[in-house]
């Protein structure tokens, strides 16, 4: 999730029919073919690139905030192939929602068209909340190339949001999403530098669906520079993709039942943790492994610990859920 950011987006979890996966395709099928303008936004639906021609009030150029509706959802998913689209699911009854939207809008605007903010009122658009399995509002979830990238729940200020947006743009760049839907602004960041050779090889292999070759390229990068954090994160993500491709991961229900029946079966617990992570249930995946570590000793415990550290890299070490899980790991180890 390698360039200055090589976090490849995992394959569509919905294709594997996993618990917690986000099935965006069902929402796209519901979308009417002719989107209508969202109230109060002049650029709501059709932001499709630098030629969109949708100007914000007062001549400030294309608006980078969109009110997500059933009518324009398909356009927004398609737009995520050009720039990351950050959905903020909010509700009028939530006082934190307006604060988060204000902070998020300011941050998104500062990137000069490299991001788009989609504000989704869950009362007006309940299908989106159901698809993303949102449990609280506000919740921020990005979409890159049509695939969901969970961000965070609850309120956050600009200082907390910006590092996450920097990481999101790295994820997008690693997946070939480097477009711009507005003119450059003084706060816009410079274009991404070319990928290092091994990272580029890994990216090309991911695009071709050859995860073994991508993993080999990342290992070469790490052999040359063991401190390459992006290669380490990329390798962890690619290895997760490989595990999710195994036939045993296809029958998620049977695998979860096995894990429930045999709580000390390390293979089952780690496999279900992979499903949780790929489906956006980050804390569930972490807690499953931490609980296993707390109950077991010896080689299985060490294997689980190593896998947990790899999943930390998959999610991103700056993610607050990783910090919380590290504390949980420390408690069961010491």
Protein backbone atom coordinates (compact mmCIF):
# COMPACT_ATOMS: atom_id res chain seq x y z
CA UNK A 1 0.00 0.00 0.00
CA UNK A 2 7.32 1.02 -4.54
CA UNK A 3 7.59 4.59 -5.03
CA UNK A 4 7.70 6.94 -2.25
CA UNK A 5 4.68 4.90 -1.51
CA UNK A 6 4.26 1.48 -2.79
CA UNK A 7 1.24 0.15 -0.99
CA UNK A 8 -0.53 -1.90 -3.67
CA UNK A 9 -4.27 -2.09 -3.17
CA UNK A 10 -5.23 -5.74 -2.55
CA UNK A 11 -7.49 -7.47 -5.04
CA UNK A 12 -11.19 -6.71 -4.67
CA UNK A 13 -12.26 -8.39 -1.47
CA UNK A 14 -15.81 -8.60 -2.80
CA UNK A 15 -14.56 -10.96 -5.51
CA UNK A 16 -13.66 -13.42 -2.76
CA UNK A 17 -17.02 -13.05 -1.04
CA UNK A 18 -15.37 -12.34 2.29
CA UNK A 19 -17.09 -11.15 5.43
CA UNK A 20 -16.77 -7.41 5.74
CA UNK A 21 -15.86 -6.88 2.10
CA UNK A 22 -17.20 -3.78 0.39
CA UNK A 23 -19.26 -4.63 -2.68
CA UNK A 24 -19.12 -1.37 -4.62
CA UNK A 25 -20.37 -3.04 -7.77
CA UNK A 26 -23.86 -3.47 -6.34
CA UNK A 27 -24.09 0.25 -5.73
CA UNK A 28 -22.85 1.01 -9.22
CA UNK A 29 -25.63 -1.09 -10.67
CA UNK A 30 -28.20 0.93 -8.72
CA UNK A 31 -26.91 4.26 -10.01
CA UNK A 32 -29.14 5.96 -12.62
CA UNK A 33 -27.40 6.74 -15.92
CA UNK A 34 -27.95 10.50 -15.76
CA UNK A 35 -26.60 11.98 -12.50
CA UNK A 36 -28.20 15.13 -11.14
CA UNK A 37 -26.41 17.96 -9.40
CA UNK A 38 -26.22 17.63 -5.65
CA UNK A 39 -27.80 20.51 -3.73
CA UNK A 40 -25.41 23.26 -2.81
CA UNK A 41 -22.47 21.96 -4.87
CA UNK A 42 -21.62 23.15 -8.34
CA UNK A 43 -19.18 20.33 -9.16
CA UNK A 44 -20.86 17.45 -7.40
CA UNK A 45 -21.30 14.84 -10.07
CA UNK A 46 -19.12 15.15 -13.03
CA UNK A 47 -15.63 15.89 -11.83
CA UNK A 48 -13.84 13.69 -14.32
CA UNK A 49 -10.50 15.33 -14.86
CA UNK A 50 -8.97 18.64 -15.80
CA UNK A 51 -11.56 19.08 -18.54
CA UNK A 52 -14.56 18.77 -16.26
CA UNK A 53 -15.35 22.44 -16.49
CA UNK A 54 -17.23 22.40 -13.18
CA UNK A 55 -16.28 25.59 -11.42
CA UNK A 56 -16.66 26.34 -7.77
CA UNK A 57 -18.35 29.55 -6.61
CA UNK A 58 -16.48 32.84 -6.97
CA UNK A 59 -14.32 31.55 -9.79
CA UNK A 60 -12.04 29.48 -7.59
CA UNK A 61 -11.73 26.62 -10.11
CA UNK A 62 -13.15 23.09 -9.90
CA UNK A 63 -14.64 22.21 -6.54
CA UNK A 64 -12.90 19.31 -4.85
CA UNK A 65 -15.80 18.54 -2.53
CA UNK A 66 -18.63 16.45 -3.90
CA UNK A 67 -21.92 15.49 -2.28
CA UNK A 68 -22.14 11.74 -2.90
CA UNK A 69 -25.56 10.53 -4.02
CA UNK A 70 -27.00 7.42 -5.64
CA UNK A 71 -27.02 9.39 -8.89
CA UNK A 72 -23.33 10.28 -8.98
CA UNK A 73 -21.81 7.32 -7.14
CA UNK A 74 -20.82 5.51 -10.31
CA UNK A 75 -19.05 8.62 -11.57
CA UNK A 76 -17.13 8.87 -8.30
CA UNK A 77 -16.00 5.26 -8.44
CA UNK A 78 -14.84 5.78 -12.03
CA UNK A 79 -13.07 8.98 -10.97
CA UNK A 80 -11.08 6.95 -8.42
CA UNK A 81 -9.14 5.55 -11.37
CA UNK A 82 -7.72 9.07 -11.87
CA UNK A 83 -7.45 10.41 -8.32
CA UNK A 84 -8.23 8.95 -4.89
CA UNK A 85 -11.77 9.75 -3.78
CA UNK A 86 -12.13 10.15 -0.01
CA UNK A 87 -15.64 9.36 1.19
CA UNK A 88 -16.67 10.89 4.50
CA UNK A 89 -19.86 9.24 5.70
CA UNK A 90 -21.65 11.64 8.00
CA UNK A 91 -24.99 12.28 9.69
CA UNK A 92 -26.78 15.41 10.82
CA UNK A 93 -27.18 14.03 14.33
CA UNK A 94 -23.39 13.71 14.72
CA UNK A 95 -21.73 16.93 15.92
CA UNK A 96 -18.33 15.52 14.95
CA UNK A 97 -19.39 15.16 11.33
CA UNK A 98 -19.35 18.85 10.43
CA UNK A 99 -15.96 19.32 12.11
CA UNK A 100 -14.45 16.41 10.20
CA UNK A 101 -15.90 17.58 6.89
CA UNK A 102 -14.48 21.06 7.44
CA UNK A 103 -11.03 19.72 8.29
CA UNK A 104 -11.06 17.18 5.48
CA UNK A 105 -12.17 19.75 2.91
CA UNK A 106 -9.33 22.09 3.88
CA UNK A 107 -6.77 19.29 3.58
CA UNK A 108 -8.13 18.00 0.26
CA UNK A 109 -8.15 21.49 -1.24
CA UNK A 110 -4.50 21.93 -0.28
CA UNK A 111 -3.46 19.07 -2.58
CA UNK A 112 -4.51 21.03 -5.64
CA UNK A 113 -6.73 18.45 -7.35
CA UNK A 114 -4.84 15.27 -6.48
CA UNK A 115 -7.67 14.21 -4.15
CA UNK A 116 -11.46 14.57 -4.21
CA UNK A 117 -13.69 14.63 -1.13
CA UNK A 118 -17.08 12.92 -1.36
CA UNK A 119 -19.42 13.78 1.51
CA UNK A 120 -22.09 11.08 1.93
CA UNK A 121 -25.10 11.72 4.16
CA UNK A 122 -25.93 8.22 5.44
CA UNK A 123 -29.56 9.20 6.04
CA UNK A 124 -29.95 10.19 2.39
CA UNK A 125 -27.70 7.42 1.03
CA UNK A 126 -28.06 4.44 3.43
CA UNK A 127 -26.93 1.94 0.79
CA UNK A 128 -23.40 3.32 0.91
CA UNK A 129 -23.24 3.02 4.69
CA UNK A 130 -24.42 -0.59 4.40
CA UNK A 131 -21.90 -1.41 1.67
CA UNK A 132 -19.00 0.02 3.66
CA UNK A 133 -20.40 -1.61 6.84
CA UNK A 134 -20.03 1.67 8.69
CA UNK A 135 -20.54 1.24 12.42
CA UNK A 136 -20.14 4.86 13.48
CA UNK A 137 -20.14 8.33 12.00
CA UNK A 138 -18.22 10.12 10.86
CA UNK A 139 -16.14 7.53 9.00
CA UNK A 140 -13.54 8.19 6.29
CA UNK A 141 -12.93 5.58 3.58
CA UNK A 142 -10.95 6.20 0.39
CA UNK A 143 -11.57 4.53 -2.95
CA UNK A 144 -8.61 3.96 -5.30
CA UNK A 145 -9.19 2.32 -8.68
CA UNK A 146 -12.59 1.24 -7.48
CA UNK A 147 -11.19 -0.48 -4.37
CA UNK A 148 -11.90 0.68 -0.79
CA UNK A 149 -9.05 1.76 1.49
CA UNK A 150 -10.30 2.14 5.11
CA UNK A 151 -8.95 5.28 6.80
CA UNK A 152 -10.46 6.02 10.22
CA UNK A 153 -13.61 6.56 12.27
CA UNK A 154 -14.41 9.57 14.39
CA UNK A 155 -13.29 13.15 14.29
CA UNK A 156 -9.79 14.26 13.29
CA UNK A 157 -8.02 17.55 12.76
CA UNK A 158 -5.96 18.69 9.79
CA UNK A 159 -2.69 17.71 11.49
CA UNK A 160 -3.95 14.14 11.93
CA UNK A 161 -5.53 13.88 8.48
CA UNK A 162 -2.62 15.12 6.39
CA UNK A 163 -0.21 12.21 7.07
CA UNK A 164 -2.98 9.79 6.14
CA UNK A 165 -3.59 11.66 2.87
CA UNK A 166 0.14 11.59 2.13
CA UNK A 167 0.09 7.82 2.62
CA UNK A 168 -3.06 7.50 0.51
CA UNK A 169 -1.38 9.32 -2.37
CA UNK A 170 1.53 6.89 -2.11
CA UNK A 171 -0.91 3.99 -2.32
CA UNK A 172 -2.50 5.62 -5.35
CA UNK A 173 0.82 6.28 -7.08
CA UNK A 174 1.89 2.68 -6.58
CA UNK A 175 -1.30 1.67 -8.39
CA UNK A 176 -0.90 4.11 -11.27
CA UNK A 177 -3.43 6.65 -9.98
CA UNK A 178 -1.64 9.98 -10.39
CA UNK A 179 -4.21 12.26 -12.02
CA UNK A 180 -5.35 15.76 -11.16
CA UNK A 181 -8.86 17.18 -11.39
CA UNK A 182 -7.97 20.83 -10.92
CA UNK A 183 -5.31 23.39 -11.61
CA UNK A 184 -2.22 23.44 -9.41
CA UNK A 185 -2.38 25.56 -6.28
CA UNK A 186 0.44 27.04 -4.19
CA UNK A 187 -0.07 24.25 -1.64
CA UNK A 188 -0.05 21.42 -4.17
CA UNK A 189 2.78 18.95 -3.67
CA UNK A 190 5.29 18.16 -6.43
CA UNK A 191 4.79 15.23 -8.76
CA UNK A 192 6.00 11.85 -7.56
CA UNK A 193 9.57 10.94 -8.44
CA UNK A 194 10.17 7.88 -10.64
CA UNK A 195 10.14 4.57 -8.81
CA UNK A 196 13.45 2.89 -7.95
CA UNK A 197 14.13 0.00 -10.38
CA UNK A 198 13.15 -2.86 -8.07
CA UNK A 199 10.04 -1.00 -6.93
CA UNK A 200 9.06 -0.36 -10.54
CA UNK A 201 9.55 -4.05 -11.30
CA UNK A 202 7.32 -4.92 -8.35
CA UNK A 203 4.66 -2.45 -9.48
CA UNK A 204 4.71 -3.86 -13.02
CA UNK A 205 4.39 -7.39 -11.65
CA UNK A 206 1.43 -6.40 -9.47
CA UNK A 207 -0.26 -4.84 -12.49
CA UNK A 208 0.23 -8.14 -14.32
CA UNK A 209 -1.12 -10.12 -11.37
CA UNK A 210 2.23 -11.86 -10.82
CA UNK A 211 2.55 -11.52 -7.07
CA UNK A 212 5.45 -13.97 -6.83
CA UNK A 213 7.52 -11.77 -9.15
CA UNK A 214 6.49 -8.67 -7.20
CA UNK A 215 7.59 -10.30 -3.95
CA UNK A 216 10.92 -11.26 -5.53
CA UNK A 217 11.47 -7.66 -6.65
CA UNK A 218 10.75 -6.30 -3.18
CA UNK A 219 13.14 -8.84 -1.66
CA UNK A 220 15.87 -7.66 -4.02
CA UNK A 221 15.21 -4.09 -2.91
CA UNK A 222 15.48 -5.13 0.72
CA UNK A 223 18.68 -7.09 0.05
CA UNK A 224 20.25 -3.90 -1.29
CA UNK A 225 18.76 -1.66 1.38
CA UNK A 226 17.40 -3.46 4.46
CA UNK A 227 16.06 -0.18 5.83
CA UNK A 228 13.75 0.35 2.81
CA UNK A 229 10.45 0.72 4.66
CA UNK A 230 8.43 1.00 1.47
CA UNK A 231 9.84 -2.26 0.11
CA UNK A 232 9.12 -3.95 3.44
CA UNK A 233 5.53 -2.72 3.38
CA UNK A 234 5.13 -3.65 -0.27
CA UNK A 235 6.43 -7.17 0.38
CA UNK A 236 4.01 -7.62 3.27
CA UNK A 237 1.09 -6.54 1.08
CA UNK A 238 2.08 -8.76 -1.83
CA UNK A 239 2.48 -11.76 0.46
CA UNK A 240 -1.01 -11.07 1.80
CA UNK A 241 -2.31 -11.06 -1.78
CA UNK A 242 -0.63 -14.40 -2.41
CA UNK A 243 -2.20 -15.94 0.69
CA UNK A 244 -5.65 -14.66 -0.29
CA UNK A 245 -5.31 -16.34 -3.67
CA UNK A 246 -4.95 -19.80 -2.13
CA UNK A 247 -7.97 -22.09 -2.62
CA UNK A 248 -8.28 -22.50 1.15
CA UNK A 249 -9.04 -18.79 1.44
CA UNK A 250 -11.90 -18.96 -1.06
CA UNK A 251 -14.39 -20.64 1.31
CA UNK A 252 -14.42 -17.93 3.94
CA UNK A 253 -17.38 -19.33 5.89
CA UNK A 254 -15.80 -22.76 6.28
CA UNK A 255 -12.50 -21.19 7.29
CA UNK A 256 -14.15 -19.03 9.93
CA UNK A 257 -16.02 -22.02 11.30
CA UNK A 258 -12.79 -23.96 11.55
CA UNK A 259 -11.14 -21.08 13.40
CA UNK A 260 -14.10 -20.91 15.81
CA UNK A 261 -13.99 -24.66 16.46
CA UNK A 262 -10.20 -24.80 16.83
CA UNK A 263 -9.04 -21.56 18.50
CA UNK A 264 -5.46 -22.85 18.81
CA UNK A 265 -5.15 -23.88 15.15
CA UNK A 266 -2.57 -21.35 14.04
CA UNK A 267 -3.17 -21.81 10.33
CA UNK A 268 -6.88 -21.16 10.70
CA UNK A 269 -6.42 -18.15 12.97
CA UNK A 270 -3.86 -16.51 10.71
CA UNK A 271 -5.94 -17.19 7.61
CA UNK A 272 -9.03 -15.59 9.14
CA UNK A 273 -6.92 -12.64 10.26
CA UNK A 274 -5.91 -12.19 6.61
CA UNK A 275 -9.57 -12.16 5.63
CA UNK A 276 -10.33 -9.58 8.30
CA UNK A 277 -7.53 -7.29 7.18
CA UNK A 278 -8.45 -7.58 3.50
CA UNK A 279 -12.09 -6.88 4.33
CA UNK A 280 -11.32 -3.73 6.31
CA UNK A 281 -11.86 -5.29 9.76
CA UNK A 282 -8.40 -4.24 10.90
CA UNK A 283 -8.91 -4.41 14.65
CA UNK A 284 -10.63 -7.80 14.41
CA UNK A 285 -7.65 -9.21 12.52
CA UNK A 286 -5.13 -7.78 14.95
CA UNK A 287 -7.05 -8.87 18.05
CA UNK A 288 -7.45 -12.42 16.73
CA UNK A 289 -3.69 -12.85 16.47
CA UNK A 290 -2.98 -11.11 19.76
CA UNK A 291 -5.43 -13.43 21.53
CA UNK A 292 -3.73 -16.45 19.97
CA UNK A 293 -0.33 -15.21 21.13
CA UNK A 294 -1.68 -14.77 24.64
CA UNK A 295 -2.87 -18.41 24.75
CA UNK A 296 0.11 -20.13 23.16
CA UNK A 297 3.85 -20.54 23.54
CA UNK A 298 6.84 -21.77 21.58
CA UNK A 299 7.04 -21.85 17.79
CA UNK A 300 3.33 -21.14 17.12
CA UNK A 301 3.49 -18.04 19.28
CA UNK A 302 6.56 -16.74 17.44
CA UNK A 303 5.00 -17.49 14.05
CA UNK A 304 1.91 -15.52 15.03
CA UNK A 305 4.00 -12.63 16.33
CA UNK A 306 5.95 -12.37 13.07
CA UNK A 307 2.74 -12.46 11.03
CA UNK A 308 1.23 -9.71 13.17
CA UNK A 309 4.25 -7.48 12.54
CA UNK A 310 3.87 -8.12 8.80
CA UNK A 311 0.21 -7.11 8.97
CA UNK A 312 1.23 -3.93 10.77
CA UNK A 313 3.23 -3.10 7.64
CA UNK A 314 0.24 -3.94 5.45
CA UNK A 315 -2.00 -1.50 7.30
CA UNK A 316 0.69 1.13 7.77
CA UNK A 317 2.74 1.74 10.87
CA UNK A 318 1.34 5.28 11.24
CA UNK A 319 -2.22 3.97 11.54
CA UNK A 320 -3.58 4.49 15.08
CA UNK A 321 -5.00 0.95 15.05
CA UNK A 322 -1.47 -0.36 14.67
CA UNK A 323 -0.31 1.65 17.68
CA UNK A 324 -3.19 0.24 19.73
CA UNK A 325 -2.40 -3.31 18.61
CA UNK A 326 1.27 -2.87 19.52
CA UNK A 327 0.18 -2.07 23.05
CA UNK A 328 -1.97 -5.20 23.11
CA UNK A 329 0.91 -7.29 21.82
CA UNK A 330 3.20 -5.93 24.49
CA UNK A 331 0.70 -6.86 27.19
CA UNK A 332 0.43 -10.50 26.15
CA UNK A 333 4.17 -10.86 25.60
CA UNK A 334 5.31 -9.25 28.82
